[in-house]
């Protein structure tokens, strides 16, 4: 078994005589104990206390440029470079900083509302009255006004089982009596849905299922006493 040998590079006692078992440097077997190449390097004071070898005072790592902070260690404390074998050392690339994410503005004032802007949406206005000259007409009933916004508006006798756009209290009107249709060009048509007692436009009976053009001022009659007047047609 070989005798421990003092490493001339790091000063540690090596169990191997050819290469230091601590730092791995080659050991000079003929080096003196206190002088020559194998003699330990003199220590110099370090500001703030402690000491380091003269050769490592102010020494910087050639790999990462960090100052050698521990002369007793053969390795750089930052990247792991071996000062003795002059090998190793991993320098990490600088971290990429993600660009800041823009923060959306808050409380952005909305565009001022213009009261003069037109209200979009075609519609037809109708007024429903009673022909009091008819024998079964109610004695008193106020006129009713309806704006029709849908593309198809169903007119019929009031029913709990069927939803109509315009429901009228008149026993001679069918539940699905007539349909007012808004055409693609903004015009309107009236269609009798094969009602029991029929529909008349300006006094002329309509053919069931056919579309008949409507205009402002037209008068539609149906049932026993119901009169519907087209008061306005708005295309936008």
C-alpha atoms as a PDB file:
ATOM      1  CA  UNK A   1       0.000   0.000   0.000  1.00  0.00           C
ATOM      2  CA  UNK A   2       1.413   3.398  -1.008  1.00  0.00           C
ATOM      3  CA  UNK A   3       2.036   6.094   1.577  1.00  0.00           C
ATOM      4  CA  UNK A   4      -0.081   9.275   1.507  1.00  0.00           C
ATOM      5  CA  UNK A   5       1.505  11.965  -0.588  1.00  0.00           C
ATOM      6  CA  UNK A   6       0.881  15.677  -0.263  1.00  0.00           C
ATOM      7  CA  UNK A   7      -0.509  17.158  -3.482  1.00  0.00           C
ATOM      8  CA  UNK A   8       1.555  20.082  -4.687  1.00  0.00           C
ATOM      9  CA  UNK A   9      -1.471  21.579  -6.448  1.00  0.00           C
ATOM     10  CA  UNK A  10      -4.181  21.655  -3.778  1.00  0.00           C
ATOM     11  CA  UNK A  11      -2.184  20.794  -0.652  1.00  0.00           C
ATOM     12  CA  UNK A  12      -4.381  17.808   0.260  1.00  0.00           C
ATOM     13  CA  UNK A  13      -2.941  14.426   1.308  1.00  0.00           C
ATOM     14  CA  UNK A  14      -3.505  12.040  -1.605  1.00  0.00           C
ATOM     15  CA  UNK A  15      -3.831   8.270  -1.147  1.00  0.00           C
ATOM     16  CA  UNK A  16      -2.452   7.893  -4.687  1.00  0.00           C
ATOM     17  CA  UNK A  17       1.132   8.781  -5.631  1.00  0.00           C
ATOM     18  CA  UNK A  18       0.629   9.520  -9.308  1.00  0.00           C
ATOM     19  CA  UNK A  19      -2.585  11.576  -9.383  1.00  0.00           C
ATOM     20  CA  UNK A  20      -4.144  13.470  -6.489  1.00  0.00           C
ATOM     21  CA  UNK A  21      -7.175  11.599  -5.139  1.00  0.00           C
ATOM     22  CA  UNK A  22      -8.706  14.988  -4.185  1.00  0.00           C
ATOM     23  CA  UNK A  23      -8.258  17.249  -7.216  1.00  0.00           C
ATOM     24  CA  UNK A  24      -6.959  14.808  -9.869  1.00  0.00           C
ATOM     25  CA  UNK A  25      -3.760  16.745 -10.626  1.00  0.00           C
ATOM     26  CA  UNK A  26      -0.516  14.885 -11.423  1.00  0.00           C
ATOM     27  CA  UNK A  27       1.760  14.588  -8.390  1.00  0.00           C
ATOM     28  CA  UNK A  28       5.433  15.490  -8.729  1.00  0.00           C
ATOM     29  CA  UNK A  29       7.144  12.733  -6.714  1.00  0.00           C
ATOM     30  CA  UNK A  30      10.451  14.634  -6.524  1.00  0.00           C
ATOM     31  CA  UNK A  31       8.993  17.844  -5.188  1.00  0.00           C
ATOM     32  CA  UNK A  32      10.280  19.102  -1.849  1.00  0.00           C
ATOM     33  CA  UNK A  33       8.168  19.289   1.254  1.00  0.00           C
ATOM     34  CA  UNK A  34       8.612  22.982   1.911  1.00  0.00           C
ATOM     35  CA  UNK A  35      10.387  24.572  -1.057  1.00  0.00           C
ATOM     36  CA  UNK A  36      10.445  24.272  -4.831  1.00  0.00           C
ATOM     37  CA  UNK A  37       7.568  23.333  -7.046  1.00  0.00           C
ATOM     38  CA  UNK A  38       5.890  21.170  -4.395  1.00  0.00           C
ATOM     39  CA  UNK A  39       5.984  23.778  -1.598  1.00  0.00           C
ATOM     40  CA  UNK A  40       2.579  25.184  -0.594  1.00  0.00           C
ATOM     41  CA  UNK A  41       1.983  28.668  -1.874  1.00  0.00           C
ATOM     42  CA  UNK A  42       2.131  31.425   0.747  1.00  0.00           C
ATOM     43  CA  UNK A  43      -1.178  32.761   2.030  1.00  0.00           C
ATOM     44  CA  UNK A  44      -2.182  36.405   1.622  1.00  0.00           C
ATOM     45  CA  UNK A  45      -4.783  38.211   3.724  1.00  0.00           C
ATOM     46  CA  UNK A  46      -8.265  38.707   2.305  1.00  0.00           C
ATOM     47  CA  UNK A  47     -10.295  41.829   3.039  1.00  0.00           C
ATOM     48  CA  UNK A  48     -12.966  40.968   5.552  1.00  0.00           C
ATOM     49  CA  UNK A  49     -10.957  38.146   7.147  1.00  0.00           C
ATOM     50  CA  UNK A  50      -9.478  34.800   6.035  1.00  0.00           C
ATOM     51  CA  UNK A  51      -6.694  34.167   3.549  1.00  0.00           C
ATOM     52  CA  UNK A  52      -6.056  32.672   0.119  1.00  0.00           C
ATOM     53  CA  UNK A  53      -3.004  31.513  -1.826  1.00  0.00           C
ATOM     54  CA  UNK A  54      -1.026  34.160  -3.604  1.00  0.00           C
ATOM     55  CA  UNK A  55      -1.641  32.589  -7.007  1.00  0.00           C
ATOM     56  CA  UNK A  56      -5.444  32.704  -6.563  1.00  0.00           C
ATOM     57  CA  UNK A  57      -5.648  36.252  -5.207  1.00  0.00           C
ATOM     58  CA  UNK A  58      -7.862  38.156  -7.664  1.00  0.00           C
ATOM     59  CA  UNK A  59      -7.992  35.122  -9.950  1.00  0.00           C
ATOM     60  CA  UNK A  60     -11.001  34.837 -12.274  1.00  0.00           C
ATOM     61  CA  UNK A  61     -12.481  31.784 -13.922  1.00  0.00           C
ATOM     62  CA  UNK A  62     -11.539  31.734 -17.628  1.00  0.00           C
ATOM     63  CA  UNK A  63     -14.856  30.024 -18.403  1.00  0.00           C
ATOM     64  CA  UNK A  64     -17.461  32.257 -16.747  1.00  0.00           C
ATOM     65  CA  UNK A  65     -15.271  35.209 -15.567  1.00  0.00           C
ATOM     66  CA  UNK A  66     -16.395  34.768 -11.939  1.00  0.00           C
ATOM     67  CA  UNK A  67     -13.803  35.517  -9.240  1.00  0.00           C
ATOM     68  CA  UNK A  68     -12.361  32.415  -7.601  1.00  0.00           C
ATOM     69  CA  UNK A  69     -13.847  32.619  -4.143  1.00  0.00           C
ATOM     70  CA  UNK A  70     -12.424  29.445  -2.554  1.00  0.00           C
ATOM     71  CA  UNK A  71      -8.706  28.818  -3.310  1.00  0.00           C
ATOM     72  CA  UNK A  72      -8.803  25.526  -1.400  1.00  0.00           C
ATOM     73  CA  UNK A  73     -11.227  24.090  -3.967  1.00  0.00           C
ATOM     74  CA  UNK A  74      -9.959  23.257  -7.463  1.00  0.00           C
ATOM     75  CA  UNK A  75     -13.391  23.985  -8.903  1.00  0.00           C
ATOM     76  CA  UNK A  76     -15.090  27.276  -9.786  1.00  0.00           C
ATOM     77  CA  UNK A  77     -18.046  27.838  -7.497  1.00  0.00           C
ATOM     78  CA  UNK A  78     -20.109  29.262 -10.377  1.00  0.00           C
ATOM     79  CA  UNK A  79     -19.617  26.988 -13.388  1.00  0.00           C
ATOM     80  CA  UNK A  80     -17.559  24.062 -12.032  1.00  0.00           C
ATOM     81  CA  UNK A  81     -14.403  24.767 -14.081  1.00  0.00           C
ATOM     82  CA  UNK A  82     -11.352  22.827 -12.812  1.00  0.00           C
ATOM     83  CA  UNK A  83      -8.498  25.282 -12.202  1.00  0.00           C
ATOM     84  CA  UNK A  84      -6.009  22.401 -11.965  1.00  0.00           C
ATOM     85  CA  UNK A  85      -6.837  20.356 -15.053  1.00  0.00           C
ATOM     86  CA  UNK A  86      -8.035  23.441 -16.953  1.00  0.00           C
ATOM     87  CA  UNK A  87     -11.155  21.594 -18.055  1.00  0.00           C
ATOM     88  CA  UNK A  88     -14.914  21.587 -17.520  1.00  0.00           C
ATOM     89  CA  UNK A  89     -17.192  24.425 -16.684  1.00  0.00           C
ATOM     90  CA  UNK A  90     -20.740  24.864 -17.902  1.00  0.00           C
ATOM     91  CA  UNK A  91     -21.917  28.377 -18.630  1.00  0.00           C
ATOM     92  CA  UNK A  92     -25.699  28.648 -18.894  1.00  0.00           C
ATOM     93  CA  UNK A  93     -27.123  30.993 -21.534  1.00  0.00           C
ATOM     94  CA  UNK A  94     -28.841  34.076 -20.184  1.00  0.00           C
ATOM     95  CA  UNK A  95     -32.559  33.617 -19.482  1.00  0.00           C
ATOM     96  CA  UNK A  96     -34.841  34.972 -22.135  1.00  0.00           C
ATOM     97  CA  UNK A  97     -37.134  37.579 -20.693  1.00  0.00           C
ATOM     98  CA  UNK A  98     -40.639  37.374 -22.095  1.00  0.00           C
ATOM     99  CA  UNK A  99     -41.940  40.662 -23.472  1.00  0.00           C
ATOM    100  CA  UNK A 100     -44.425  42.387 -21.204  1.00  0.00           C
ATOM    101  CA  UNK A 101     -48.060  41.560 -21.873  1.00  0.00           C
ATOM    102  CA  UNK A 102     -49.969  44.715 -22.751  1.00  0.00           C
ATOM    103  CA  UNK A 103     -52.682  45.553 -20.244  1.00  0.00           C
ATOM    104  CA  UNK A 104     -55.954  46.535 -21.893  1.00  0.00           C
ATOM    105  CA  UNK A 105     -57.172  49.980 -21.105  1.00  0.00           C
ATOM    106  CA  UNK A 106     -60.088  50.218 -18.708  1.00  0.00           C
ATOM    107  CA  UNK A 107     -62.857  52.719 -18.407  1.00  0.00           C
ATOM    108  CA  UNK A 108     -62.500  53.664 -22.052  1.00  0.00           C
ATOM    109  CA  UNK A 109     -65.185  56.250 -22.751  1.00  0.00           C
ATOM    110  CA  UNK A 110     -67.775  55.003 -25.201  1.00  0.00           C
ATOM    111  CA  UNK A 111     -68.610  56.894 -28.345  1.00  0.00           C
ATOM    112  CA  UNK A 112     -71.234  59.557 -27.711  1.00  0.00           C
ATOM    113  CA  UNK A 113     -74.769  58.486 -28.526  1.00  0.00           C
ATOM    114  CA  UNK A 114     -76.375  60.449 -31.288  1.00  0.00           C
ATOM    115  CA  UNK A 115     -80.076  61.016 -30.693  1.00  0.00           C
ATOM    116  CA  UNK A 116     -80.467  61.878 -34.369  1.00  0.00           C
ATOM    117  CA  UNK A 117     -79.389  58.392 -35.510  1.00  0.00           C
ATOM    118  CA  UNK A 118     -82.254  56.496 -37.155  1.00  0.00           C
ATOM    119  CA  UNK A 119     -83.724  53.480 -35.342  1.00  0.00           C
ATOM    120  CA  UNK A 120     -83.180  50.439 -37.553  1.00  0.00           C
ATOM    121  CA  UNK A 121     -85.976  47.977 -38.179  1.00  0.00           C
ATOM    122  CA  UNK A 122     -88.867  47.820 -40.612  1.00  0.00           C
ATOM    123  CA  UNK A 123     -92.376  47.699 -39.171  1.00  0.00           C
ATOM    124  CA  UNK A 124     -96.044  48.101 -39.983  1.00  0.00           C
ATOM    125  CA  UNK A 125     -98.494  49.992 -37.767  1.00  0.00           C
ATOM    126  CA  UNK A 126    -102.099  48.841 -37.718  1.00  0.00           C
ATOM    127  CA  UNK A 127    -105.213  50.082 -35.933  1.00  0.00           C
ATOM    128  CA  UNK A 128    -108.062  47.710 -35.042  1.00  0.00           C
ATOM    129  CA  UNK A 129    -111.570  49.167 -34.694  1.00  0.00           C
ATOM    130  CA  UNK A 130    -115.136  47.872 -34.532  1.00  0.00           C
ATOM    131  CA  UNK A 131    -117.836  48.386 -37.161  1.00  0.00           C
ATOM    132  CA  UNK A 132    -120.624  49.368 -34.758  1.00  0.00           C
ATOM    133  CA  UNK A 133    -123.186  49.113 -37.573  1.00  0.00           C
ATOM    134  CA  UNK A 134    -122.997  45.338 -37.375  1.00  0.00           C
ATOM    135  CA  UNK A 135    -125.740  43.647 -35.354  1.00  0.00           C
ATOM    136  CA  UNK A 136    -123.434  41.625 -33.063  1.00  0.00           C
ATOM    137  CA  UNK A 137    -120.817  44.366 -32.597  1.00  0.00           C
ATOM    138  CA  UNK A 138    -119.978  45.273 -28.994  1.00  0.00           C
ATOM    139  CA  UNK A 139    -121.514  48.534 -27.856  1.00  0.00           C
ATOM    140  CA  UNK A 140    -118.251  49.900 -26.525  1.00  0.00           C
ATOM    141  CA  UNK A 141    -114.697  48.899 -27.495  1.00  0.00           C
ATOM    142  CA  UNK A 142    -111.715  51.250 -27.821  1.00  0.00           C
ATOM    143  CA  UNK A 143    -109.533  51.128 -30.914  1.00  0.00           C
ATOM    144  CA  UNK A 144    -106.333  49.104 -30.570  1.00  0.00           C
ATOM    145  CA  UNK A 145    -102.963  49.939 -32.150  1.00  0.00           C
ATOM    146  CA  UNK A 146    -100.232  47.393 -32.891  1.00  0.00           C
ATOM    147  CA  UNK A 147     -96.711  47.788 -34.353  1.00  0.00           C
ATOM    148  CA  UNK A 148     -95.738  44.662 -36.288  1.00  0.00           C
ATOM    149  CA  UNK A 149     -91.959  44.001 -36.343  1.00  0.00           C
ATOM    150  CA  UNK A 150     -91.858  40.306 -37.306  1.00  0.00           C
ATOM    151  CA  UNK A 151     -91.386  38.969 -40.806  1.00  0.00           C
ATOM    152  CA  UNK A 152     -94.668  37.077 -40.338  1.00  0.00           C
ATOM    153  CA  UNK A 153     -97.465  38.322 -38.063  1.00  0.00           C
ATOM    154  CA  UNK A 154    -100.320  35.912 -37.337  1.00  0.00           C
ATOM    155  CA  UNK A 155    -103.811  37.363 -36.815  1.00  0.00           C
ATOM    156  CA  UNK A 156    -106.524  35.253 -35.222  1.00  0.00           C
ATOM    157  CA  UNK A 157    -109.196  34.809 -32.563  1.00  0.00           C
ATOM    158  CA  UNK A 158    -107.844  34.797 -29.009  1.00  0.00           C
ATOM    159  CA  UNK A 159    -106.708  31.295 -27.999  1.00  0.00           C
ATOM    160  CA  UNK A 160    -104.870  29.850 -25.011  1.00  0.00           C
ATOM    161  CA  UNK A 161    -103.457  27.015 -27.142  1.00  0.00           C
ATOM    162  CA  UNK A 162    -102.066  29.110 -29.997  1.00  0.00           C
ATOM    163  CA  UNK A 163     -99.780  32.124 -29.884  1.00  0.00           C
ATOM    164  CA  UNK A 164    -100.864  34.876 -32.251  1.00  0.00           C
ATOM    165  CA  UNK A 165     -99.142  38.163 -32.991  1.00  0.00           C
ATOM    166  CA  UNK A 166    -102.511  39.940 -32.926  1.00  0.00           C
ATOM    167  CA  UNK A 167    -105.347  38.268 -30.969  1.00  0.00           C
ATOM    168  CA  UNK A 168    -108.856  39.622 -31.570  1.00  0.00           C
ATOM    169  CA  UNK A 169    -112.075  39.010 -29.623  1.00  0.00           C
ATOM    170  CA  UNK A 170    -114.429  38.146 -32.474  1.00  0.00           C
ATOM    171  CA  UNK A 171    -116.146  34.740 -32.606  1.00  0.00           C
ATOM    172  CA  UNK A 172    -116.348  34.799 -36.424  1.00  0.00           C
ATOM    173  CA  UNK A 173    -112.534  35.008 -36.752  1.00  0.00           C
ATOM    174  CA  UNK A 174    -110.557  31.770 -37.033  1.00  0.00           C
ATOM    175  CA  UNK A 175    -107.699  31.069 -34.622  1.00  0.00           C
ATOM    176  CA  UNK A 176    -105.317  31.071 -37.626  1.00  0.00           C
ATOM    177  CA  UNK A 177    -107.163  33.567 -39.751  1.00  0.00           C
ATOM    178  CA  UNK A 178    -104.672  35.684 -41.732  1.00  0.00           C
ATOM    179  CA  UNK A 179    -100.955  36.393 -42.046  1.00  0.00           C
ATOM    180  CA  UNK A 180     -99.190  39.700 -42.708  1.00  0.00           C
ATOM    181  CA  UNK A 181     -95.827  39.005 -44.415  1.00  0.00           C
ATOM    182  CA  UNK A 182     -92.865  41.379 -44.778  1.00  0.00           C
ATOM    183  CA  UNK A 183     -91.200  40.785 -48.151  1.00  0.00           C
ATOM    184  CA  UNK A 184     -87.467  40.966 -48.906  1.00  0.00           C
ATOM    185  CA  UNK A 185     -87.821  44.419 -50.488  1.00  0.00           C
ATOM    186  CA  UNK A 186     -89.513  45.835 -47.371  1.00  0.00           C
ATOM    187  CA  UNK A 187     -93.037  45.734 -48.759  1.00  0.00           C
ATOM    188  CA  UNK A 188     -95.914  43.898 -47.039  1.00  0.00           C
ATOM    189  CA  UNK A 189     -98.509  41.378 -48.165  1.00  0.00           C
ATOM    190  CA  UNK A 190    -101.707  39.934 -46.668  1.00  0.00           C
ATOM    191  CA  UNK A 191    -102.528  36.225 -46.910  1.00  0.00           C
ATOM    192  CA  UNK A 192    -105.805  34.601 -45.862  1.00  0.00           C
ATOM    193  CA  UNK A 193    -105.071  31.227 -44.236  1.00  0.00           C
ATOM    194  CA  UNK A 194    -108.187  29.534 -45.589  1.00  0.00           C
ATOM    195  CA  UNK A 195    -110.204  31.019 -42.737  1.00  0.00           C
ATOM    196  CA  UNK A 196    -113.797  29.923 -42.113  1.00  0.00           C
ATOM    197  CA  UNK A 197    -115.423  33.275 -42.873  1.00  0.00           C
ATOM    198  CA  UNK A 198    -112.786  34.773 -45.167  1.00  0.00           C
ATOM    199  CA  UNK A 199    -110.968  38.125 -45.360  1.00  0.00           C
ATOM    200  CA  UNK A 200    -111.618  41.224 -47.450  1.00  0.00           C
ATOM    201  CA  UNK A 201    -109.164  43.933 -48.546  1.00  0.00           C
ATOM    202  CA  UNK A 202    -110.751  47.296 -49.294  1.00  0.00           C
ATOM    203  CA  UNK A 203    -114.088  45.467 -49.692  1.00  0.00           C
ATOM    204  CA  UNK A 204    -112.764  42.753 -52.048  1.00  0.00           C
ATOM    205  CA  UNK A 205    -112.722  39.160 -50.750  1.00  0.00           C
ATOM    206  CA  UNK A 206    -109.254  37.580 -50.857  1.00  0.00           C
ATOM    207  CA  UNK A 207    -108.307  34.283 -52.430  1.00  0.00           C
ATOM    208  CA  UNK A 208    -107.107  31.980 -49.637  1.00  0.00           C
ATOM    209  CA  UNK A 209    -103.377  31.260 -49.743  1.00  0.00           C
ATOM    210  CA  UNK A 210    -102.543  34.075 -52.192  1.00  0.00           C
ATOM    211  CA  UNK A 211    -100.419  37.094 -51.196  1.00  0.00           C
ATOM    212  CA  UNK A 212    -102.053  40.484 -51.720  1.00  0.00           C
ATOM    213  CA  UNK A 213     -99.903  43.666 -51.533  1.00  0.00           C
ATOM    214  CA  UNK A 214    -100.611  46.111 -48.704  1.00  0.00           C
ATOM    215  CA  UNK A 215    -100.100  49.869 -48.602  1.00  0.00           C
ATOM    216  CA  UNK A 216    -100.785  52.636 -46.118  1.00  0.00           C
ATOM    217  CA  UNK A 217    -104.484  53.399 -45.828  1.00  0.00           C
ATOM    218  CA  UNK A 218    -105.686  49.911 -46.812  1.00  0.00           C
ATOM    219  CA  UNK A 219    -108.637  48.542 -44.835  1.00  0.00           C
ATOM    220  CA  UNK A 220    -108.937  44.852 -43.977  1.00  0.00           C
ATOM    221  CA  UNK A 221    -112.217  43.396 -42.698  1.00  0.00           C
ATOM    222  CA  UNK A 222    -112.750  40.000 -41.103  1.00  0.00           C
ATOM    223  CA  UNK A 223    -115.107  38.267 -38.691  1.00  0.00           C
ATOM    224  CA  UNK A 224    -118.445  39.814 -37.765  1.00  0.00           C
ATOM    225  CA  UNK A 225    -117.336  43.369 -37.029  1.00  0.00           C
ATOM    226  CA  UNK A 226    -113.524  43.670 -37.017  1.00  0.00           C
ATOM    227  CA  UNK A 227    -111.860  46.405 -39.101  1.00  0.00           C
ATOM    228  CA  UNK A 228    -108.046  46.620 -39.462  1.00  0.00           C
ATOM    229  CA  UNK A 229    -106.548  49.794 -40.985  1.00  0.00           C
ATOM    230  CA  UNK A 230    -102.921  49.971 -42.228  1.00  0.00           C
ATOM    231  CA  UNK A 231    -101.817  53.290 -40.692  1.00  0.00           C
ATOM    232  CA  UNK A 232     -98.095  53.210 -41.495  1.00  0.00           C
ATOM    233  CA  UNK A 233     -95.434  51.144 -43.260  1.00  0.00           C
ATOM    234  CA  UNK A 234     -91.808  51.844 -42.310  1.00  0.00           C
ATOM    235  CA  UNK A 235     -89.035  50.115 -44.256  1.00  0.00           C
ATOM    236  CA  UNK A 236     -86.208  51.105 -41.896  1.00  0.00           C
END
